[in-house]
Structure formats: C-alpha cells, structure tokens
Amino acid sequence: MTDKKVIIALTQDEAVVLYDYLTRFNSQDNNVPFDDQAEQRVLWDIESMLEKEMVASLKTNYQDIVKQARDNIRDNEK
C-alpha cells in the first residue's frame, strides 16, 4: 500500500472531544479485543497528532473547554 495521506478536517470542538476521549481510552487498561496491534497503534498516533494541535489541553480550564465543546456538539434532545 502507498503512503498516500488521508486528510480529515475537524472543528476545534470535534478535536477537543476526540482528543479527550482518546486520552482517556488510551490511558485505561482496556481489554478491548483489537484484531491486530496496528489498530491500537493508530489510536495512539491519532491521539499524538491531536495533542500537537491542541493548545486547549495545556490550559488550566481544560475541563471547562471539554464541557463546552461537548455541549456545542451534542445533539439537541427534544
């Protein structure tokens, strides 16, 4: 397979929510049945890529930023 890049664009809110989820997921001792360790490696790599872009993760009000991002994205319940 070639090294052709696939580019996915995320809003800042989407990036915050995804980064927060991946950091929690990757830091837990999950007994997730990966079919191959490469799947886990991809999740680690995505977390790393997001971390490089996430200025919000370094702020002291990180949890407030995550909460606001989740609120902005969440489907409105009727």
PDB file of N, CA and C in Angstrom:
ATOM      1  N   MET A   1       0.849  -1.186   0.000  1.00  0.00           N
ATOM      2  CA  MET A   1       0.000   0.000   0.000  1.00  0.00           C
ATOM      3  C   MET A   1       0.889   1.241   0.000  1.00  0.00           C
ATOM      4  N   THR A   2       0.426   2.286  -0.609  1.00  0.00           N
ATOM      5  CA  THR A   2       1.206   3.513  -0.690  1.00  0.00           C
ATOM      6  C   THR A   2       1.077   4.323   0.602  1.00  0.00           C
ATOM      7  N   ASP A   3       1.907   5.342   0.713  1.00  0.00           N
ATOM      8  CA  ASP A   3       1.853   6.241   1.873  1.00  0.00           C
ATOM      9  C   ASP A   3       0.972   7.452   1.585  1.00  0.00           C
ATOM     10  N   LYS A   4       0.005   7.283   0.703  1.00  0.00           N
ATOM     11  CA  LYS A   4      -0.906   8.371   0.367  1.00  0.00           C
ATOM     12  C   LYS A   4      -1.638   8.811   1.634  1.00  0.00           C
ATOM     13  N   LYS A   5      -1.707  10.111   1.861  1.00  0.00           N
ATOM     14  CA  LYS A   5      -2.322  10.668   3.063  1.00  0.00           C
ATOM     15  C   LYS A   5      -3.825  10.797   2.886  1.00  0.00           C
ATOM     16  N   VAL A   6      -4.547  10.546   3.950  1.00  0.00           N
ATOM     17  CA  VAL A   6      -5.980  10.798   4.031  1.00  0.00           C
ATOM     18  C   VAL A   6      -6.127  11.934   5.029  1.00  0.00           C
ATOM     19  N   ILE A   7      -6.742  13.008   4.610  1.00  0.00           N
ATOM     20  CA  ILE A   7      -6.880  14.182   5.466  1.00  0.00           C
ATOM     21  C   ILE A   7      -8.317  14.296   5.926  1.00  0.00           C
ATOM     22  N   ILE A   8      -8.485  14.403   7.241  1.00  0.00           N
ATOM     23  CA  ILE A   8      -9.801  14.563   7.834  1.00  0.00           C
ATOM     24  C   ILE A   8      -9.821  15.900   8.545  1.00  0.00           C
ATOM     25  N   ALA A   9     -10.787  16.731   8.226  1.00  0.00           N
ATOM     26  CA  ALA A   9     -10.904  18.038   8.865  1.00  0.00           C
ATOM     27  C   ALA A   9     -11.870  17.941  10.042  1.00  0.00           C
ATOM     28  N   LEU A  10     -11.467  18.496  11.172  1.00  0.00           N
ATOM     29  CA  LEU A  10     -12.303  18.534  12.363  1.00  0.00           C
ATOM     30  C   LEU A  10     -12.459  19.980  12.806  1.00  0.00           C
ATOM     31  N   THR A  11     -13.615  20.289  13.372  1.00  0.00           N
ATOM     32  CA  THR A  11     -13.748  21.586  14.013  1.00  0.00           C
ATOM     33  C   THR A  11     -12.930  21.546  15.302  1.00  0.00           C
ATOM     34  N   GLN A  12     -12.674  22.697  15.889  1.00  0.00           N
ATOM     35  CA  GLN A  12     -11.953  22.740  17.161  1.00  0.00           C
ATOM     36  C   GLN A  12     -12.711  21.941  18.221  1.00  0.00           C
ATOM     37  N   ASP A  13     -14.030  22.088  18.274  1.00  0.00           N
ATOM     38  CA  ASP A  13     -14.838  21.349  19.244  1.00  0.00           C
ATOM     39  C   ASP A  13     -14.713  19.840  19.026  1.00  0.00           C
ATOM     40  N   GLU A  14     -14.772  19.406  17.782  1.00  0.00           N
ATOM     41  CA  GLU A  14     -14.639  17.982  17.491  1.00  0.00           C
ATOM     42  C   GLU A  14     -13.265  17.468  17.905  1.00  0.00           C
ATOM     43  N   ALA A  15     -12.239  18.252  17.638  1.00  0.00           N
ATOM     44  CA  ALA A  15     -10.883  17.855  18.009  1.00  0.00           C
ATOM     45  C   ALA A  15     -10.730  17.744  19.522  1.00  0.00           C
ATOM     46  N   VAL A  16     -11.304  18.679  20.255  1.00  0.00           N
ATOM     47  CA  VAL A  16     -11.235  18.651  21.720  1.00  0.00           C
ATOM     48  C   VAL A  16     -11.919  17.399  22.256  1.00  0.00           C
ATOM     49  N   VAL A  17     -13.128  17.132  21.772  1.00  0.00           N
ATOM     50  CA  VAL A  17     -13.891  15.973  22.256  1.00  0.00           C
ATOM     51  C   VAL A  17     -13.174  14.676  21.887  1.00  0.00           C
ATOM     52  N   LEU A  18     -12.698  14.564  20.677  1.00  0.00           N
ATOM     53  CA  LEU A  18     -11.991  13.355  20.258  1.00  0.00           C
ATOM     54  C   LEU A  18     -10.695  13.171  21.037  1.00  0.00           C
ATOM     55  N   TYR A  19      -9.934  14.232  21.206  1.00  0.00           N
ATOM     56  CA  TYR A  19      -8.686  14.159  21.954  1.00  0.00           C
ATOM     57  C   TYR A  19      -8.942  13.724  23.398  1.00  0.00           C
ATOM     58  N   ASP A  20      -9.946  14.307  24.030  1.00  0.00           N
ATOM     59  CA  ASP A  20     -10.266  13.960  25.403  1.00  0.00           C
ATOM     60  C   ASP A  20     -10.638  12.476  25.508  1.00  0.00           C
ATOM     61  N   TYR A  21     -11.461  12.017  24.587  1.00  0.00           N
ATOM     62  CA  TYR A  21     -11.856  10.604  24.590  1.00  0.00           C
ATOM     63  C   TYR A  21     -10.644   9.689  24.393  1.00  0.00           C
ATOM     64  N   LEU A  22      -9.818   9.991  23.407  1.00  0.00           N
ATOM     65  CA  LEU A  22      -8.673   9.133  23.120  1.00  0.00           C
ATOM     66  C   LEU A  22      -7.682   9.098  24.282  1.00  0.00           C
ATOM     67  N   THR A  23      -7.458  10.225  24.943  1.00  0.00           N
ATOM     68  CA  THR A  23      -6.530  10.211  26.076  1.00  0.00           C
ATOM     69  C   THR A  23      -7.069   9.337  27.205  1.00  0.00           C
ATOM     70  N   ARG A  24      -8.385   9.394  27.435  1.00  0.00           N
ATOM     71  CA  ARG A  24      -8.974   8.533  28.464  1.00  0.00           C
ATOM     72  C   ARG A  24      -8.921   7.069  28.033  1.00  0.00           C
ATOM     73  N   PHE A  25      -9.299   6.797  26.805  1.00  0.00           N
ATOM     74  CA  PHE A  25      -9.315   5.426  26.293  1.00  0.00           C
ATOM     75  C   PHE A  25      -7.916   4.818  26.300  1.00  0.00           C
ATOM     76  N   ASN A  26      -6.942   5.566  25.798  1.00  0.00           N
ATOM     77  CA  ASN A  26      -5.583   5.043  25.679  1.00  0.00           C
ATOM     78  C   ASN A  26      -4.880   4.908  27.022  1.00  0.00           C
ATOM     79  N   SER A  27      -5.347   5.616  28.046  1.00  0.00           N
ATOM     80  CA  SER A  27      -4.688   5.541  29.348  1.00  0.00           C
ATOM     81  C   SER A  27      -5.271   4.442  30.236  1.00  0.00           C
ATOM     82  N   GLN A  28      -6.372   3.848  29.832  1.00  0.00           N
ATOM     83  CA  GLN A  28      -7.003   2.796  30.620  1.00  0.00           C
ATOM     84  C   GLN A  28      -6.462   1.430  30.213  1.00  0.00           C
ATOM     85  N   ASP A  29      -6.533   0.519  31.165  1.00  0.00           N
ATOM     86  CA  ASP A  29      -6.206  -0.872  30.836  1.00  0.00           C
ATOM     87  C   ASP A  29      -7.452  -1.525  30.266  1.00  0.00           C
ATOM     88  N   ASN A  30      -7.715  -1.220  29.016  1.00  0.00           N
ATOM     89  CA  ASN A  30      -8.895  -1.782  28.350  1.00  0.00           C
ATOM     90  C   ASN A  30      -8.592  -3.180  27.852  1.00  0.00           C
ATOM     91  N   ASN A  31      -9.548  -4.008  27.981  1.00  0.00           N
ATOM     92  CA  ASN A  31      -9.437  -5.335  27.393  1.00  0.00           C
ATOM     93  C   ASN A  31     -10.200  -5.335  26.075  1.00  0.00           C
ATOM     94  N   VAL A  32      -9.928  -4.308  25.300  1.00  0.00           N
ATOM     95  CA  VAL A  32     -10.584  -4.171  24.009  1.00  0.00           C
ATOM     96  C   VAL A  32      -9.998  -5.214  23.063  1.00  0.00           C
ATOM     97  N   PRO A  33     -10.844  -5.976  22.438  1.00  0.00           N
ATOM     98  CA  PRO A  33     -10.344  -7.032  21.552  1.00  0.00           C
ATOM     99  C   PRO A  33      -9.927  -6.486  20.188  1.00  0.00           C
ATOM    100  N   PHE A  34      -8.743  -5.895  20.137  1.00  0.00           N
ATOM    101  CA  PHE A  34      -8.228  -5.456  18.849  1.00  0.00           C
ATOM    102  C   PHE A  34      -7.932  -6.696  18.006  1.00  0.00           C
ATOM    103  N   ASP A  35      -8.259  -6.629  16.744  1.00  0.00           N
ATOM    104  CA  ASP A  35      -7.919  -7.729  15.842  1.00  0.00           C
ATOM    105  C   ASP A  35      -6.419  -7.773  15.594  1.00  0.00           C
ATOM    106  N   ASP A  36      -5.786  -6.596  15.701  1.00  0.00           N
ATOM    107  CA  ASP A  36      -4.354  -6.511  15.449  1.00  0.00           C
ATOM    108  C   ASP A  36      -3.817  -5.323  16.230  1.00  0.00           C
ATOM    109  N   GLN A  37      -2.588  -5.391  16.709  1.00  0.00           N
ATOM    110  CA  GLN A  37      -1.997  -4.300  17.471  1.00  0.00           C
ATOM    111  C   GLN A  37      -1.910  -3.023  16.645  1.00  0.00           C
ATOM    112  N   ALA A  38      -1.934  -3.142  15.336  1.00  0.00           N
ATOM    113  CA  ALA A  38      -1.891  -1.968  14.461  1.00  0.00           C
ATOM    114  C   ALA A  38      -3.089  -1.046  14.714  1.00  0.00           C
ATOM    115  N   GLU A  39      -4.229  -1.614  15.083  1.00  0.00           N
ATOM    116  CA  GLU A  39      -5.416  -0.803  15.386  1.00  0.00           C
ATOM    117  C   GLU A  39      -5.157   0.067  16.609  1.00  0.00           C
ATOM    118  N   GLN A  40      -4.556  -0.508  17.626  1.00  0.00           N
ATOM    119  CA  GLN A  40      -4.203   0.258  18.820  1.00  0.00           C
ATOM    120  C   GLN A  40      -3.168   1.324  18.481  1.00  0.00           C
ATOM    121  N   ARG A  41      -2.206   0.984  17.652  1.00  0.00           N
ATOM    122  CA  ARG A  41      -1.154   1.921  17.249  1.00  0.00           C
ATOM    123  C   ARG A  41      -1.765   3.144  16.554  1.00  0.00           C
ATOM    124  N   VAL A  42      -2.773   2.922  15.714  1.00  0.00           N
ATOM    125  CA  VAL A  42      -3.428   4.028  15.010  1.00  0.00           C
ATOM    126  C   VAL A  42      -4.099   4.968  16.007  1.00  0.00           C
ATOM    127  N   LEU A  43      -4.761   4.414  17.025  1.00  0.00           N
ATOM    128  CA  LEU A  43      -5.398   5.260  18.043  1.00  0.00           C
ATOM    129  C   LEU A  43      -4.368   6.075  18.804  1.00  0.00           C
ATOM    130  N   TRP A  44      -3.241   5.461  19.147  1.00  0.00           N
ATOM    131  CA  TRP A  44      -2.171   6.203  19.815  1.00  0.00           C
ATOM    132  C   TRP A  44      -1.655   7.317  18.921  1.00  0.00           C
ATOM    133  N   ASP A  45      -1.478   7.009  17.644  1.00  0.00           N
ATOM    134  CA  ASP A  45      -0.954   8.007  16.703  1.00  0.00           C
ATOM    135  C   ASP A  45      -1.914   9.174  16.512  1.00  0.00           C
ATOM    136  N   ILE A  46      -3.208   8.884  16.424  1.00  0.00           N
ATOM    137  CA  ILE A  46      -4.194   9.965  16.289  1.00  0.00           C
ATOM    138  C   ILE A  46      -4.179  10.836  17.533  1.00  0.00           C
ATOM    139  N   GLU A  47      -4.104  10.213  18.703  1.00  0.00           N
ATOM    140  CA  GLU A  47      -4.019  10.998  19.936  1.00  0.00           C
ATOM    141  C   GLU A  47      -2.791  11.909  19.906  1.00  0.00           C
ATOM    142  N   SER A  48      -1.677  11.384  19.486  1.00  0.00           N
ATOM    143  CA  SER A  48      -0.440  12.162  19.406  1.00  0.00           C
ATOM    144  C   SER A  48      -0.559  13.328  18.431  1.00  0.00           C
ATOM    145  N   MET A  49      -1.159  13.072  17.275  1.00  0.00           N
ATOM    146  CA  MET A  49      -1.340  14.139  16.282  1.00  0.00           C
ATOM    147  C   MET A  49      -2.239  15.243  16.830  1.00  0.00           C
ATOM    148  N   LEU A  50      -3.318  14.850  17.495  1.00  0.00           N
ATOM    149  CA  LEU A  50      -4.222  15.842  18.071  1.00  0.00           C
ATOM    150  C   LEU A  50      -3.543  16.630  19.178  1.00  0.00           C
ATOM    151  N   GLU A  51      -2.761  15.937  19.997  1.00  0.00           N
ATOM    152  CA  GLU A  51      -2.077  16.602  21.103  1.00  0.00           C
ATOM    153  C   GLU A  51      -1.179  17.727  20.600  1.00  0.00           C
ATOM    154  N   LYS A  52      -0.524  17.505  19.475  1.00  0.00           N
ATOM    155  CA  LYS A  52       0.350  18.527  18.887  1.00  0.00           C
ATOM    156  C   LYS A  52      -0.439  19.770  18.476  1.00  0.00           C
ATOM    157  N   GLU A  53      -1.703  19.586  18.136  1.00  0.00           N
ATOM    158  CA  GLU A  53      -2.547  20.687  17.678  1.00  0.00           C
ATOM    159  C   GLU A  53      -3.379  21.320  18.791  1.00  0.00           C
ATOM    160  N   MET A  54      -3.458  20.653  19.935  1.00  0.00           N
ATOM    161  CA  MET A  54      -4.379  21.069  20.986  1.00  0.00           C
ATOM    162  C   MET A  54      -3.734  22.040  21.970  1.00  0.00           C
ATOM    163  N   VAL A  55      -3.944  23.298  21.760  1.00  0.00           N
ATOM    164  CA  VAL A  55      -3.488  24.300  22.705  1.00  0.00           C
ATOM    165  C   VAL A  55      -4.369  24.237  23.956  1.00  0.00           C
ATOM    166  N   ALA A  56      -5.636  23.902  23.777  1.00  0.00           N
ATOM    167  CA  ALA A  56      -6.598  23.856  24.880  1.00  0.00           C
ATOM    168  C   ALA A  56      -6.179  22.874  25.954  1.00  0.00           C
ATOM    169  N   SER A  57      -5.532  21.795  25.579  1.00  0.00           N
ATOM    170  CA  SER A  57      -5.173  20.777  26.564  1.00  0.00           C
ATOM    171  C   SER A  57      -4.147  21.281  27.567  1.00  0.00           C
ATOM    172  N   LEU A  58      -3.483  22.368  27.251  1.00  0.00           N
ATOM    173  CA  LEU A  58      -2.471  22.912  28.147  1.00  0.00           C
ATOM    174  C   LEU A  58      -3.022  23.997  29.066  1.00  0.00           C
ATOM    175  N   LYS A  59      -4.243  24.398  28.855  1.00  0.00           N
ATOM    176  CA  LYS A  59      -4.840  25.458  29.661  1.00  0.00           C
ATOM    177  C   LYS A  59      -5.351  24.909  30.981  1.00  0.00           C
ATOM    178  N   THR A  60      -5.385  25.766  31.984  1.00  0.00           N
ATOM    179  CA  THR A  60      -5.833  25.334  33.312  1.00  0.00           C
ATOM    180  C   THR A  60      -7.327  25.050  33.345  1.00  0.00           C
ATOM    181  N   ASN A  61      -8.080  25.613  32.434  1.00  0.00           N
ATOM    182  CA  ASN A  61      -9.534  25.383  32.407  1.00  0.00           C
ATOM    183  C   ASN A  61      -9.911  24.327  31.364  1.00  0.00           C
ATOM    184  N   TYR A  62      -9.050  23.341  31.199  1.00  0.00           N
ATOM    185  CA  TYR A  62      -9.242  22.299  30.198  1.00  0.00           C
ATOM    186  C   TYR A  62     -10.602  21.619  30.324  1.00  0.00           C
ATOM    187  N   GLN A  63     -10.996  21.256  31.541  1.00  0.00           N
ATOM    188  CA  GLN A  63     -12.274  20.561  31.738  1.00  0.00           C
ATOM    189  C   GLN A  63     -13.450  21.430  31.307  1.00  0.00           C
ATOM    190  N   ASP A  64     -13.363  22.735  31.531  1.00  0.00           N
ATOM    191  CA  ASP A  64     -14.420  23.649  31.071  1.00  0.00           C
ATOM    192  C   ASP A  64     -14.461  23.696  29.544  1.00  0.00           C
ATOM    193  N   ILE A  65     -13.293  23.660  28.923  1.00  0.00           N
ATOM    194  CA  ILE A  65     -13.216  23.674  27.460  1.00  0.00           C
ATOM    195  C   ILE A  65     -13.841  22.406  26.886  1.00  0.00           C
ATOM    196  N   VAL A  66     -13.554  21.256  27.511  1.00  0.00           N
ATOM    197  CA  VAL A  66     -14.132  19.985  27.056  1.00  0.00           C
ATOM    198  C   VAL A  66     -15.646  20.011  27.229  1.00  0.00           C
ATOM    199  N   LYS A  67     -16.120  20.490  28.382  1.00  0.00           N
ATOM    200  CA  LYS A  67     -17.560  20.552  28.629  1.00  0.00           C
ATOM    201  C   LYS A  67     -18.252  21.427  27.585  1.00  0.00           C
ATOM    202  N   GLN A  68     -17.678  22.589  27.301  1.00  0.00           N
ATOM    203  CA  GLN A  68     -18.274  23.492  26.316  1.00  0.00           C
ATOM    204  C   GLN A  68     -18.281  22.862  24.927  1.00  0.00           C
ATOM    205  N   ALA A  69     -17.197  22.191  24.556  1.00  0.00           N
ATOM    206  CA  ALA A  69     -17.120  21.531  23.246  1.00  0.00           C
ATOM    207  C   ALA A  69     -18.176  20.434  23.141  1.00  0.00           C
ATOM    208  N   ARG A  70     -18.340  19.653  24.205  1.00  0.00           N
ATOM    209  CA  ARG A  70     -19.365  18.604  24.202  1.00  0.00           C
ATOM    210  C   ARG A  70     -20.752  19.211  24.060  1.00  0.00           C
ATOM    211  N   ASP A  71     -21.001  20.293  24.810  1.00  0.00           N
ATOM    212  CA  ASP A  71     -22.300  20.976  24.720  1.00  0.00           C
ATOM    213  C   ASP A  71     -22.561  21.489  23.311  1.00  0.00           C
ATOM    214  N   ASN A  72     -21.524  22.004  22.670  1.00  0.00           N
ATOM    215  CA  ASN A  72     -21.671  22.558  21.309  1.00  0.00           C
ATOM    216  C   ASN A  72     -21.968  21.468  20.283  1.00  0.00           C
ATOM    217  N   ILE A  73     -21.482  20.275  20.517  1.00  0.00           N
ATOM    218  CA  ILE A  73     -21.623  19.191  19.536  1.00  0.00           C
ATOM    219  C   ILE A  73     -22.847  18.324  19.789  1.00  0.00           C
ATOM    220  N   ARG A  74     -23.149  18.111  21.044  1.00  0.00           N
ATOM    221  CA  ARG A  74     -24.226  17.175  21.415  1.00  0.00           C
ATOM    222  C   ARG A  74     -25.507  17.467  20.649  1.00  0.00           C
ATOM    223  N   ASP A  75     -26.186  16.402  20.232  1.00  0.00           N
ATOM    224  CA  ASP A  75     -27.498  16.546  19.582  1.00  0.00           C
ATOM    225  C   ASP A  75     -28.479  17.140  20.580  1.00  0.00           C
ATOM    226  N   ASN A  76     -29.273  18.050  20.108  1.00  0.00           N
ATOM    227  CA  ASN A  76     -30.321  18.612  20.973  1.00  0.00           C
ATOM    228  C   ASN A  76     -31.399  17.578  21.179  1.00  0.00           C
ATOM    229  N   GLU A  77     -31.737  17.339  22.435  1.00  0.00           N
ATOM    230  CA  GLU A  77     -32.817  16.400  22.738  1.00  0.00           C
ATOM    231  C   GLU A  77     -34.119  17.175  22.757  1.00  0.00           C
ATOM    232  N   LYS A  78     -35.135  16.581  22.179  1.00  0.00           N
ATOM    233  CA  LYS A  78     -36.432  17.266  22.120  1.00  0.00           C
ATOM    234  C   LYS A  78     -37.409  16.560  22.996  1.00  0.00           C
TER     235      LYS A  78
END
